[in-house]
Amino acid sequence: MHTTIRETNVKSILTKSNLPVADYSVNPYIGCEHGYKYCYASFMKRFTNHKEPWGSFVDVKTWPEIKHPERYKGKKLFIGSVTDPYQPIEERYGRTRKLLQELQGSGALKSIATKSDLILRDMDLIASFPNARVSFSINTLDETFTEEMDGSVSIARKIKAMSLLHEAGIRTTCFSSPIFPGITDCKAIIRECRDKCNLVWLENLNLRGEYKPVILDYIQRNYPSLSSLYDEIYREGKRDYWFTLNEELKDFCKEEALDYIRDDDSMTRPFDSAPIIVNYFFHEEVKRNATKENTIC
């Protein structure tokens, strides 16, 4: 797919965030070349007025140099909330690297989300920030499934990059999101990544908006045996699958001597501890209705 690239000026690269994990959201780009089929961030088109299909455009942001970066000391900055800061275009434009350089020495707390091993280029820069954290999206170990779903690097390259960052003393997260029912093998992912990360987040596939029919059509064509399950979950609104998976993962983590909980921050635990497995299913609803009877976990 051809990618349309534009440059755009913004007043500030830092946006105050309502996310529980961040004081500021930071996105050096608008849009993403990866264009994976289930990307929730495609909703951004409502605000940016892009008519092109998601994945076919990237706007490269230019911003005034950050003055007095020390004001962000102790503030949590989440880089990559709605775009991959290390998508391929970063190799050419280096906007994420520029951001890190401007904030170096500020004392800001950085969390970076990516699907790319290009982040290794900036490993030394990232390590200079206190308690820096990098999360990699890994929701399958099946390379074919990944190739069909998105245009990012291979699973093997993601896992290798996560391992190298972890070995360098940078906290890492395996973000197993979204979990595709009947396809994502959470247990296999945890086994593969447990010695390469400090945290494993598990998030359910939430189908909404324009990509819902895309995913359901994909399942019908490629996994017809799972069509009835997806209909139950995403057309009928049943959640039995997720409650059953939750119980299976509880038992699995107990056998593996891993903590299985909801909402925890690995910053509070020793770096060399076994990873925490965090059930993040329906997290927005759980936050609103934490005392309801059927809350997972």
Protein backbone atom coordinates (compact mmCIF):
# COMPACT_ATOMS: atom_id res chain seq x y z
CA MET A 1 0.00 0.00 0.00
CA HIS A 2 1.28 3.45 -0.94
CA THR A 3 1.84 5.75 2.04
CA THR A 4 1.10 9.47 1.76
CA ILE A 5 3.55 11.45 3.89
CA ARG A 6 2.94 15.03 4.96
CA GLU A 7 4.69 17.34 7.40
CA THR A 8 2.61 19.27 9.91
CA ASN A 9 3.41 21.90 12.54
CA VAL A 10 1.97 21.52 16.04
CA LYS A 11 2.07 23.93 18.98
CA SER A 12 3.28 21.26 21.39
CA ILE A 13 4.25 17.59 21.19
CA LEU A 14 3.02 16.96 24.76
CA THR A 15 -0.71 16.50 25.36
CA LYS A 16 -2.21 16.15 28.82
CA SER A 17 -3.56 12.63 29.19
CA ASN A 18 -6.52 11.00 30.90
CA LEU A 19 -4.83 7.62 30.72
CA PRO A 20 -4.18 6.06 34.15
CA VAL A 21 -0.59 5.28 33.14
CA ALA A 22 0.38 8.77 31.96
CA ASP A 23 0.32 12.46 32.73
CA TYR A 24 1.08 13.26 29.08
CA SER A 25 0.53 11.45 25.79
CA VAL A 26 3.23 11.98 23.17
CA ASN A 27 2.79 11.02 19.51
CA PRO A 28 5.45 12.25 17.08
CA TYR A 29 3.32 11.11 14.12
CA ILE A 30 -0.31 11.05 13.05
CA GLY A 31 -1.25 7.75 11.46
CA CYS A 32 0.86 4.62 11.20
CA GLU A 33 2.43 2.74 8.33
CA HIS A 34 1.84 -0.60 10.04
CA GLY A 35 -1.87 -0.32 9.31
CA TYR A 36 -2.79 -3.41 11.26
CA LYS A 37 -6.39 -4.47 10.73
CA TYR A 38 -7.51 -4.30 14.37
CA CYS A 39 -5.98 -0.92 15.23
CA TYR A 40 -8.23 0.95 17.65
CA ALA A 41 -6.33 4.16 16.88
CA SER A 42 -8.07 4.37 13.50
CA PHE A 43 -10.69 6.44 15.37
CA MET A 44 -8.20 9.32 15.10
CA LYS A 45 -9.42 9.93 11.55
CA ARG A 46 -12.51 11.55 13.05
CA PHE A 47 -10.31 14.33 14.43
CA THR A 48 -7.66 14.65 11.73
CA ASN A 49 -10.03 14.71 8.71
CA HIS A 50 -8.02 12.13 6.79
CA LYS A 51 -10.06 10.45 4.07
CA GLU A 52 -7.41 7.86 3.19
CA PRO A 53 -7.62 4.32 4.58
CA TRP A 54 -5.91 3.81 7.93
CA GLY A 55 -2.33 2.72 7.32
CA SER A 56 -1.99 4.66 4.05
CA PHE A 57 -0.98 8.03 5.51
CA VAL A 58 1.46 9.44 8.04
CA ASP A 59 1.75 13.06 9.15
CA VAL A 60 5.19 13.94 10.50
CA LYS A 61 4.96 16.42 13.37
CA THR A 62 7.26 19.39 13.83
CA TRP A 63 7.07 21.25 17.13
CA PRO A 64 8.83 24.15 18.87
CA GLU A 65 11.80 23.01 20.92
CA ILE A 66 10.71 22.00 24.41
CA LYS A 67 11.72 24.79 26.78
CA HIS A 68 12.45 24.09 30.43
CA PRO A 69 12.21 20.29 30.09
CA GLU A 70 12.93 20.03 33.81
CA ARG A 71 9.30 20.95 34.43
CA TYR A 72 8.45 17.38 33.47
CA LYS A 73 10.58 15.84 36.20
CA GLY A 74 8.63 12.98 37.75
CA LYS A 75 5.84 13.27 35.16
CA LYS A 76 4.78 10.13 33.32
CA LEU A 77 5.04 10.45 29.53
CA PHE A 78 3.48 7.77 27.32
CA ILE A 79 5.08 7.83 23.88
CA GLY A 80 3.01 6.03 21.26
CA SER A 81 -0.55 6.01 22.56
CA VAL A 82 -2.13 6.30 19.07
CA THR A 83 0.81 5.80 16.71
CA ASP A 84 3.98 3.73 16.66
CA PRO A 85 6.86 6.10 17.44
CA TYR A 86 9.26 3.64 15.77
CA GLN A 87 7.32 2.90 12.60
CA PRO A 88 9.56 2.74 9.50
CA ILE A 89 9.31 6.46 8.73
CA GLU A 90 11.13 7.19 12.02
CA GLU A 91 14.35 5.93 10.42
CA ARG A 92 14.10 8.79 7.93
CA TYR A 93 12.67 11.61 10.05
CA GLY A 94 13.91 10.77 13.54
CA ARG A 95 11.16 12.68 15.33
CA THR A 96 11.06 10.27 18.27
CA ARG A 97 14.82 10.48 18.65
CA LYS A 98 14.61 14.29 18.60
CA LEU A 99 11.98 14.16 21.36
CA LEU A 100 14.18 11.95 23.55
CA GLN A 101 17.15 14.24 23.00
CA GLU A 102 15.12 17.32 23.97
CA LEU A 103 13.92 15.69 27.19
CA GLN A 104 17.19 14.00 28.14
CA GLY A 105 18.15 14.92 31.69
CA SER A 106 14.66 16.23 32.49
CA GLY A 107 13.83 13.43 34.93
CA ALA A 108 10.64 12.61 33.02
CA LEU A 109 9.35 9.05 33.39
CA LYS A 110 9.10 7.47 29.94
CA SER A 111 6.91 4.64 28.74
CA ILE A 112 7.20 3.78 25.06
CA ALA A 113 4.90 1.44 23.11
CA THR A 114 6.08 -0.03 19.82
CA LYS A 115 5.91 -2.96 17.42
CA SER A 116 9.37 -2.31 15.99
CA ASP A 117 12.97 -3.19 16.79
CA LEU A 118 14.09 0.18 15.38
CA ILE A 119 13.88 1.27 19.01
CA LEU A 120 17.25 -0.45 19.59
CA ARG A 121 18.87 2.50 17.79
CA ASP A 122 17.96 4.68 20.78
CA MET A 123 18.64 2.18 23.54
CA ASP A 124 21.36 4.30 25.18
CA LEU A 125 19.14 7.38 25.11
CA ILE A 126 16.21 5.51 26.63
CA ALA A 127 18.41 4.03 29.35
CA SER A 128 19.37 7.53 30.45
CA PHE A 129 15.82 8.20 31.68
CA PRO A 130 14.84 7.05 35.20
CA ASN A 131 12.78 3.85 35.24
CA ALA A 132 12.24 3.93 31.48
CA ARG A 133 9.82 1.30 30.22
CA VAL A 134 9.26 -0.13 26.73
CA SER A 135 6.29 -2.29 25.74
CA PHE A 136 6.11 -4.52 22.69
CA SER A 137 2.81 -5.66 21.17
CA ILE A 138 2.97 -9.46 20.94
CA ASN A 139 -0.38 -11.20 20.62
CA THR A 140 0.73 -14.34 18.81
CA LEU A 141 3.80 -16.46 18.10
CA ASP A 142 2.44 -17.33 14.65
CA GLU A 143 4.42 -15.34 12.08
CA THR A 144 1.84 -15.98 9.35
CA PHE A 145 -0.95 -14.49 11.44
CA THR A 146 1.19 -11.42 12.16
CA GLU A 147 2.00 -10.94 8.48
CA GLU A 148 -1.70 -11.05 7.62
CA MET A 149 -2.71 -8.65 10.38
CA ASP A 150 -0.10 -5.89 10.25
CA GLY A 151 2.98 -4.58 8.53
CA SER A 152 5.33 -4.51 11.51
CA VAL A 153 8.50 -6.53 12.00
CA SER A 154 8.46 -10.25 12.72
CA ILE A 155 7.62 -11.67 16.13
CA ALA A 156 11.15 -13.03 16.42
CA ARG A 157 12.60 -9.53 15.95
CA LYS A 158 10.22 -8.02 18.52
CA ILE A 159 11.11 -10.64 21.11
CA LYS A 160 14.83 -10.24 20.42
CA ALA A 161 14.57 -6.46 20.83
CA MET A 162 12.63 -6.87 24.07
CA SER A 163 15.30 -9.24 25.35
CA LEU A 164 18.16 -6.86 24.49
CA LEU A 165 16.47 -3.91 26.19
CA HIS A 166 15.76 -6.02 29.27
CA GLU A 167 19.37 -7.20 29.39
CA ALA A 168 20.41 -3.53 29.26
CA GLY A 169 18.43 -2.84 32.44
CA ILE A 170 15.41 -1.20 30.79
CA ARG A 171 12.04 -2.36 32.09
CA THR A 172 10.04 -4.11 29.39
CA THR A 173 6.42 -5.14 28.96
CA CYS A 174 5.02 -7.86 26.75
CA PHE A 175 1.69 -6.32 25.76
CA SER A 176 -0.37 -9.27 24.58
CA SER A 177 -3.05 -7.22 22.92
CA PRO A 178 -5.48 -7.80 21.50
CA ILE A 179 -6.11 -11.44 22.39
CA PHE A 180 -7.87 -13.10 19.47
CA PRO A 181 -10.26 -15.77 20.84
CA GLY A 182 -9.22 -19.24 19.79
CA ILE A 183 -6.05 -17.93 18.10
CA THR A 184 -3.87 -16.16 20.69
CA ASP A 185 -2.09 -18.66 22.92
CA CYS A 186 -1.53 -16.59 26.06
CA LYS A 187 0.24 -19.38 27.91
CA ALA A 188 2.77 -19.91 25.11
CA ILE A 189 3.47 -16.18 24.93
CA ILE A 190 4.03 -15.96 28.68
CA ARG A 191 6.40 -18.94 28.60
CA GLU A 192 8.36 -17.45 25.69
CA CYS A 193 8.67 -13.95 27.15
CA ARG A 194 8.80 -14.45 30.91
CA ASP A 195 12.59 -14.08 31.16
CA LYS A 196 12.64 -11.06 28.83
CA CYS A 197 10.16 -8.74 30.52
CA ASN A 198 8.98 -7.34 33.84
CA LEU A 199 5.30 -7.30 33.02
CA VAL A 200 2.79 -9.08 30.78
CA TRP A 201 -0.43 -7.26 30.04
CA LEU A 202 -3.34 -9.27 28.64
CA GLU A 203 -6.10 -7.37 26.84
CA ASN A 204 -9.17 -8.72 25.08
CA LEU A 205 -9.98 -8.03 21.43
CA ASN A 206 -12.62 -5.30 21.43
CA LEU A 207 -14.27 -4.97 18.04
CA ARG A 208 -15.86 -1.64 17.28
CA GLY A 209 -16.14 0.90 14.52
CA GLU A 210 -15.08 0.34 10.94
CA TYR A 211 -12.69 -2.53 11.65
CA LYS A 212 -15.31 -4.82 13.25
CA PRO A 213 -16.62 -6.22 9.92
CA VAL A 214 -13.04 -6.43 8.61
CA ILE A 215 -12.00 -8.76 11.43
CA LEU A 216 -15.20 -10.81 11.36
CA ASP A 217 -14.85 -11.30 7.60
CA TYR A 218 -11.20 -12.31 8.10
CA ILE A 219 -12.21 -14.93 10.68
CA GLN A 220 -14.94 -16.27 8.40
CA ARG A 221 -12.48 -16.69 5.52
CA ASN A 222 -9.43 -17.95 7.41
CA TYR A 223 -10.78 -19.56 10.60
CA PRO A 224 -14.31 -20.73 9.71
CA SER A 225 -14.35 -23.11 12.67
CA LEU A 226 -14.18 -20.06 14.97
CA SER A 227 -16.97 -18.10 13.29
CA SER A 228 -19.67 -19.23 15.74
CA LEU A 229 -17.44 -18.26 18.71
CA TYR A 230 -16.85 -14.79 17.26
CA ASP A 231 -20.56 -14.40 16.57
CA GLU A 232 -21.32 -15.24 20.21
CA ILE A 233 -18.80 -12.71 21.49
CA TYR A 234 -19.08 -9.88 18.99
CA ARG A 235 -22.64 -10.12 17.67
CA GLU A 236 -24.49 -11.54 20.68
CA GLY A 237 -22.36 -9.86 23.36
CA LYS A 238 -21.62 -13.02 25.35
CA ARG A 239 -18.52 -13.06 27.56
CA ASP A 240 -18.29 -16.69 28.63
CA TYR A 241 -15.05 -17.11 26.67
CA TRP A 242 -13.29 -14.38 28.63
CA PHE A 243 -14.44 -15.62 32.03
CA THR A 244 -13.31 -19.14 31.16
CA LEU A 245 -9.94 -17.88 29.90
CA ASN A 246 -9.53 -15.84 33.07
CA GLU A 247 -9.93 -18.96 35.22
CA GLU A 248 -7.52 -20.95 33.03
CA LEU A 249 -4.89 -18.22 33.30
CA LYS A 250 -5.29 -18.03 37.06
CA ASP A 251 -4.54 -21.75 37.32
CA PHE A 252 -1.69 -21.54 34.81
CA CYS A 253 0.03 -18.68 36.64
CA LYS A 254 -0.32 -20.49 39.94
CA GLU A 255 1.44 -23.51 38.43
CA GLU A 256 4.16 -21.26 36.99
CA ALA A 257 4.60 -19.37 40.30
CA LEU A 258 3.64 -16.07 38.65
CA ASP A 259 1.47 -13.35 40.16
CA TYR A 260 -1.78 -12.97 38.23
CA ILE A 261 -3.56 -9.77 39.13
CA ARG A 262 -5.25 -6.65 37.82
CA ASP A 263 -3.74 -3.17 37.68
CA ASP A 264 -0.21 -3.29 39.01
CA ASP A 265 2.87 -1.24 38.25
CA SER A 266 6.09 -3.23 37.85
CA MET A 267 8.09 -0.15 38.88
CA THR A 268 7.42 -1.10 42.50
CA ARG A 269 9.08 -4.52 42.23
CA PRO A 270 12.75 -5.49 41.96
CA PHE A 271 13.96 -5.53 38.37
CA ASP A 272 15.00 -9.19 38.49
CA SER A 273 11.66 -10.43 39.86
CA ALA A 274 9.52 -12.78 37.80
CA PRO A 275 7.11 -10.85 35.57
CA ILE A 276 3.68 -9.85 36.82
CA ILE A 277 0.80 -11.11 34.66
CA VAL A 278 -1.93 -8.49 34.54
CA ASN A 279 -5.45 -9.29 33.38
CA TYR A 280 -6.59 -6.18 31.56
CA PHE A 281 -9.86 -7.57 30.15
CA PHE A 282 -12.59 -4.93 29.81
CA HIS A 283 -10.42 -2.57 31.84
CA GLU A 284 -12.52 0.51 31.10
CA GLU A 285 -15.67 -1.16 32.40
CA VAL A 286 -13.90 -2.67 35.39
CA LYS A 287 -12.67 0.76 36.36
CA ARG A 288 -16.24 2.10 36.31
CA ASN A 289 -17.88 -0.91 37.93
CA ALA A 290 -15.20 -2.40 40.16
CA THR A 291 -17.67 -3.80 42.70
CA LYS A 292 -20.05 -5.57 40.36
CA GLU A 293 -20.50 -9.31 40.77
CA ASN A 294 -19.04 -10.45 37.45
CA THR A 295 -15.88 -8.37 37.49
CA ILE A 296 -13.03 -10.48 36.12
CA CYS A 297 -10.34 -11.26 38.70
